[in-house]
Amino acid sequence: METKNKPEKVFSTGAIQVSVWKNEAVKDGNKSEFRTVSIQRRYADKSGEWKSTSTLRINDLPKASLVLNKAFEYLVMKGQDAEFVEEIVA
């Protein structure tokens, strides 16, 4: 039985959802961990079936901004991409 990869953390508001994914990589024999972020908008099609898209409408942008900021805050608090944060703050 195949196990489906699940996000580490999910932030959502309304139809907008941001997922934080934990990834592993091996480079030169060294195992490392990094995280990525995906965004989606959920909607019901004409038949009522729920679908997902990465395309956002203008009214989705404030909600997308909110959940993206929450994901960024989560990653900063975990120490992910600390060098990037230091560059922004400096």
N, C-alpha and C. Protein backbone atom coordinates (compact mmCIF):
# COMPACT_ATOMS: atom_id res chain seq x y z
N MET A 1 0.83 -1.17 0.00
CA MET A 1 0.00 0.00 0.00
C MET A 1 0.89 1.24 0.00
N GLU A 2 0.63 2.18 -0.90
CA GLU A 2 1.43 3.38 -1.04
C GLU A 2 0.97 4.44 -0.03
N THR A 3 1.94 5.07 0.65
CA THR A 3 1.59 6.14 1.57
C THR A 3 1.76 7.47 0.87
N LYS A 4 0.79 8.35 1.06
CA LYS A 4 0.81 9.65 0.41
C LYS A 4 1.57 10.64 1.30
N ASN A 5 2.45 11.40 0.67
CA ASN A 5 3.20 12.43 1.39
C ASN A 5 2.23 13.49 1.89
N LYS A 6 2.34 13.84 3.17
CA LYS A 6 1.47 14.84 3.77
C LYS A 6 2.28 16.08 4.11
N PRO A 7 1.64 17.25 4.03
CA PRO A 7 2.37 18.47 4.39
C PRO A 7 2.70 18.49 5.88
N GLU A 8 3.78 19.17 6.20
CA GLU A 8 4.19 19.33 7.59
C GLU A 8 3.24 20.29 8.32
N LYS A 9 2.80 21.31 7.62
CA LYS A 9 1.92 22.33 8.21
C LYS A 9 1.06 22.92 7.10
N VAL A 10 -0.19 23.25 7.44
CA VAL A 10 -1.12 23.84 6.48
C VAL A 10 -1.73 25.09 7.10
N PHE A 11 -1.76 26.16 6.31
CA PHE A 11 -2.41 27.40 6.71
C PHE A 11 -3.50 27.68 5.68
N SER A 12 -4.70 28.01 6.14
CA SER A 12 -5.77 28.28 5.17
C SER A 12 -6.72 29.35 5.69
N THR A 13 -7.31 30.03 4.75
CA THR A 13 -8.38 30.98 5.03
C THR A 13 -9.30 30.97 3.82
N GLY A 14 -10.54 30.69 4.07
CA GLY A 14 -11.48 30.57 2.95
C GLY A 14 -11.02 29.47 2.02
N ALA A 15 -10.98 29.77 0.73
CA ALA A 15 -10.62 28.78 -0.27
C ALA A 15 -9.11 28.69 -0.51
N ILE A 16 -8.33 29.58 0.13
CA ILE A 16 -6.89 29.63 -0.10
C ILE A 16 -6.16 28.80 0.94
N GLN A 17 -5.25 27.97 0.46
CA GLN A 17 -4.51 27.08 1.35
C GLN A 17 -3.03 27.09 0.97
N VAL A 18 -2.17 27.23 1.98
CA VAL A 18 -0.72 27.15 1.80
C VAL A 18 -0.23 25.96 2.61
N SER A 19 0.57 25.12 1.97
CA SER A 19 1.12 23.94 2.62
C SER A 19 2.64 24.04 2.69
N VAL A 20 3.20 23.67 3.83
CA VAL A 20 4.64 23.61 4.01
C VAL A 20 5.04 22.14 3.93
N TRP A 21 5.98 21.85 3.04
CA TRP A 21 6.42 20.48 2.80
C TRP A 21 7.84 20.28 3.29
N LYS A 22 8.09 19.19 3.99
CA LYS A 22 9.43 18.84 4.45
C LYS A 22 10.06 17.92 3.41
N ASN A 23 11.25 18.27 2.97
CA ASN A 23 11.95 17.51 1.94
C ASN A 23 13.32 17.10 2.43
N GLU A 24 13.82 16.03 1.86
CA GLU A 24 15.17 15.57 2.17
C GLU A 24 15.95 15.43 0.88
N ALA A 25 17.25 15.74 0.98
CA ALA A 25 18.12 15.62 -0.19
C ALA A 25 19.45 15.04 0.27
N VAL A 26 20.13 14.37 -0.65
CA VAL A 26 21.46 13.85 -0.38
C VAL A 26 22.40 14.44 -1.43
N LYS A 27 23.42 15.15 -0.94
CA LYS A 27 24.40 15.74 -1.84
C LYS A 27 25.78 15.39 -1.31
N ASP A 28 26.60 14.81 -2.15
CA ASP A 28 27.95 14.40 -1.78
C ASP A 28 27.94 13.50 -0.54
N GLY A 29 26.93 12.66 -0.44
CA GLY A 29 26.82 11.73 0.67
C GLY A 29 26.25 12.32 1.95
N ASN A 30 25.97 13.62 1.95
CA ASN A 30 25.42 14.27 3.13
C ASN A 30 23.92 14.47 2.98
N LYS A 31 23.19 14.03 3.98
CA LYS A 31 21.74 14.16 3.98
C LYS A 31 21.37 15.52 4.56
N SER A 32 20.48 16.24 3.88
CA SER A 32 20.02 17.52 4.38
C SER A 32 18.50 17.61 4.26
N GLU A 33 17.96 18.55 4.98
CA GLU A 33 16.51 18.74 5.04
C GLU A 33 16.20 20.18 4.64
N PHE A 34 15.15 20.36 3.84
CA PHE A 34 14.71 21.70 3.47
C PHE A 34 13.20 21.68 3.31
N ARG A 35 12.61 22.84 3.28
CA ARG A 35 11.16 22.93 3.18
C ARG A 35 10.77 23.76 1.96
N THR A 36 9.64 23.40 1.38
CA THR A 36 9.06 24.15 0.27
C THR A 36 7.63 24.51 0.63
N VAL A 37 7.08 25.46 -0.12
CA VAL A 37 5.73 25.95 0.15
C VAL A 37 4.93 25.88 -1.15
N SER A 38 3.70 25.39 -1.05
CA SER A 38 2.79 25.38 -2.20
C SER A 38 1.52 26.14 -1.82
N ILE A 39 0.89 26.74 -2.83
CA ILE A 39 -0.35 27.48 -2.62
C ILE A 39 -1.41 26.95 -3.57
N GLN A 40 -2.64 26.91 -3.09
CA GLN A 40 -3.74 26.46 -3.94
C GLN A 40 -5.04 27.15 -3.56
N ARG A 41 -5.92 27.22 -4.52
CA ARG A 41 -7.28 27.71 -4.28
C ARG A 41 -8.23 26.57 -4.58
N ARG A 42 -9.12 26.27 -3.65
CA ARG A 42 -10.12 25.22 -3.84
C ARG A 42 -11.39 25.83 -4.40
N TYR A 43 -12.06 25.11 -5.28
CA TYR A 43 -13.32 25.58 -5.86
C TYR A 43 -14.15 24.39 -6.30
N ALA A 44 -15.44 24.60 -6.42
CA ALA A 44 -16.34 23.56 -6.92
C ALA A 44 -16.60 23.83 -8.40
N ASP A 45 -16.46 22.80 -9.23
CA ASP A 45 -16.73 22.98 -10.66
C ASP A 45 -18.25 22.95 -10.91
N LYS A 46 -18.65 23.01 -12.17
CA LYS A 46 -20.07 23.07 -12.52
C LYS A 46 -20.87 21.88 -12.01
N SER A 47 -20.20 20.74 -11.89
CA SER A 47 -20.90 19.53 -11.40
C SER A 47 -20.86 19.42 -9.87
N GLY A 48 -20.21 20.38 -9.21
CA GLY A 48 -20.13 20.37 -7.75
C GLY A 48 -18.94 19.62 -7.20
N GLU A 49 -18.08 19.11 -8.08
CA GLU A 49 -16.89 18.38 -7.65
C GLU A 49 -15.80 19.38 -7.25
N TRP A 50 -15.14 19.11 -6.11
CA TRP A 50 -14.10 20.02 -5.63
C TRP A 50 -12.81 19.82 -6.39
N LYS A 51 -12.21 20.94 -6.80
CA LYS A 51 -10.96 20.96 -7.56
C LYS A 51 -9.99 21.92 -6.89
N SER A 52 -8.74 21.87 -7.33
CA SER A 52 -7.70 22.77 -6.85
C SER A 52 -7.00 23.42 -8.03
N THR A 53 -6.55 24.66 -7.82
CA THR A 53 -5.78 25.37 -8.83
C THR A 53 -4.75 26.25 -8.15
N SER A 54 -3.68 26.55 -8.86
CA SER A 54 -2.69 27.49 -8.32
C SER A 54 -2.95 28.89 -8.87
N THR A 55 -3.98 29.04 -9.69
CA THR A 55 -4.36 30.34 -10.24
C THR A 55 -5.23 31.08 -9.24
N LEU A 56 -4.87 32.32 -8.97
CA LEU A 56 -5.62 33.12 -8.01
C LEU A 56 -6.35 34.26 -8.72
N ARG A 57 -7.48 34.65 -8.15
CA ARG A 57 -8.23 35.81 -8.64
C ARG A 57 -7.81 37.02 -7.82
N ILE A 58 -8.14 38.20 -8.27
CA ILE A 58 -7.73 39.42 -7.57
C ILE A 58 -8.25 39.44 -6.13
N ASN A 59 -9.45 38.94 -5.91
CA ASN A 59 -10.01 38.91 -4.56
C ASN A 59 -9.33 37.89 -3.64
N ASP A 60 -8.57 36.97 -4.23
CA ASP A 60 -7.85 35.96 -3.45
C ASP A 60 -6.54 36.50 -2.89
N LEU A 61 -6.02 37.58 -3.47
CA LEU A 61 -4.68 38.04 -3.12
C LEU A 61 -4.51 38.45 -1.65
N PRO A 62 -5.45 39.17 -1.03
CA PRO A 62 -5.26 39.47 0.40
C PRO A 62 -5.20 38.22 1.27
N LYS A 63 -6.03 37.24 0.98
CA LYS A 63 -6.01 35.99 1.75
C LYS A 63 -4.72 35.21 1.48
N ALA A 64 -4.28 35.22 0.23
CA ALA A 64 -3.03 34.54 -0.12
C ALA A 64 -1.86 35.18 0.62
N SER A 65 -1.86 36.50 0.68
CA SER A 65 -0.81 37.22 1.40
C SER A 65 -0.80 36.83 2.87
N LEU A 66 -1.97 36.75 3.47
CA LEU A 66 -2.09 36.39 4.88
C LEU A 66 -1.50 35.01 5.16
N VAL A 67 -1.91 34.00 4.39
CA VAL A 67 -1.45 32.64 4.67
C VAL A 67 0.02 32.45 4.27
N LEU A 68 0.49 33.17 3.24
CA LEU A 68 1.91 33.11 2.90
C LEU A 68 2.76 33.71 4.02
N ASN A 69 2.28 34.80 4.60
CA ASN A 69 3.00 35.39 5.74
C ASN A 69 3.02 34.45 6.93
N LYS A 70 1.94 33.74 7.18
CA LYS A 70 1.90 32.76 8.27
C LYS A 70 2.91 31.63 8.01
N ALA A 71 2.99 31.18 6.76
CA ALA A 71 3.95 30.13 6.41
C ALA A 71 5.38 30.64 6.59
N PHE A 72 5.63 31.88 6.18
CA PHE A 72 6.96 32.47 6.34
C PHE A 72 7.32 32.57 7.81
N GLU A 73 6.38 33.02 8.63
CA GLU A 73 6.59 33.12 10.07
C GLU A 73 6.91 31.75 10.66
N TYR A 74 6.17 30.74 10.25
CA TYR A 74 6.39 29.38 10.72
C TYR A 74 7.81 28.91 10.38
N LEU A 75 8.23 29.16 9.14
CA LEU A 75 9.56 28.74 8.71
C LEU A 75 10.66 29.50 9.45
N VAL A 76 10.46 30.79 9.68
CA VAL A 76 11.44 31.58 10.41
C VAL A 76 11.57 31.07 11.84
N MET A 77 10.45 30.77 12.47
CA MET A 77 10.46 30.29 13.85
C MET A 77 11.14 28.92 13.95
N LYS A 78 11.10 28.14 12.88
CA LYS A 78 11.77 26.84 12.86
C LYS A 78 13.26 26.99 12.53
N GLY A 79 13.66 28.21 12.14
CA GLY A 79 15.06 28.43 11.79
C GLY A 79 15.36 28.12 10.34
N GLN A 80 14.34 27.85 9.54
CA GLN A 80 14.53 27.56 8.12
C GLN A 80 14.91 28.83 7.39
N ASP A 81 15.88 28.76 6.52
CA ASP A 81 16.30 29.90 5.70
C ASP A 81 16.74 31.08 6.55
N ALA A 82 17.43 30.81 7.65
CA ALA A 82 17.86 31.87 8.56
C ALA A 82 18.75 32.88 7.85
N GLU A 83 19.59 32.45 6.92
CA GLU A 83 20.46 33.38 6.19
C GLU A 83 19.63 34.37 5.40
N PHE A 84 18.56 33.90 4.76
CA PHE A 84 17.69 34.76 3.98
C PHE A 84 17.03 35.81 4.86
N VAL A 85 16.56 35.41 6.03
CA VAL A 85 15.90 36.32 6.96
C VAL A 85 16.90 37.38 7.42
N GLU A 86 18.14 36.97 7.72
CA GLU A 86 19.14 37.93 8.15
C GLU A 86 19.40 38.97 7.08
N GLU A 87 19.39 38.57 5.80
CA GLU A 87 19.60 39.51 4.71
C GLU A 87 18.45 40.54 4.65
N ILE A 88 17.23 40.10 4.88
CA ILE A 88 16.08 41.00 4.83
C ILE A 88 16.14 42.00 5.98
N VAL A 89 16.47 41.51 7.17
CA VAL A 89 16.50 42.35 8.36
C VAL A 89 17.67 43.34 8.32
N ALA A 90 18.80 42.92 7.78
CA ALA A 90 20.00 43.77 7.77
C ALA A 90 19.86 45.01 6.93
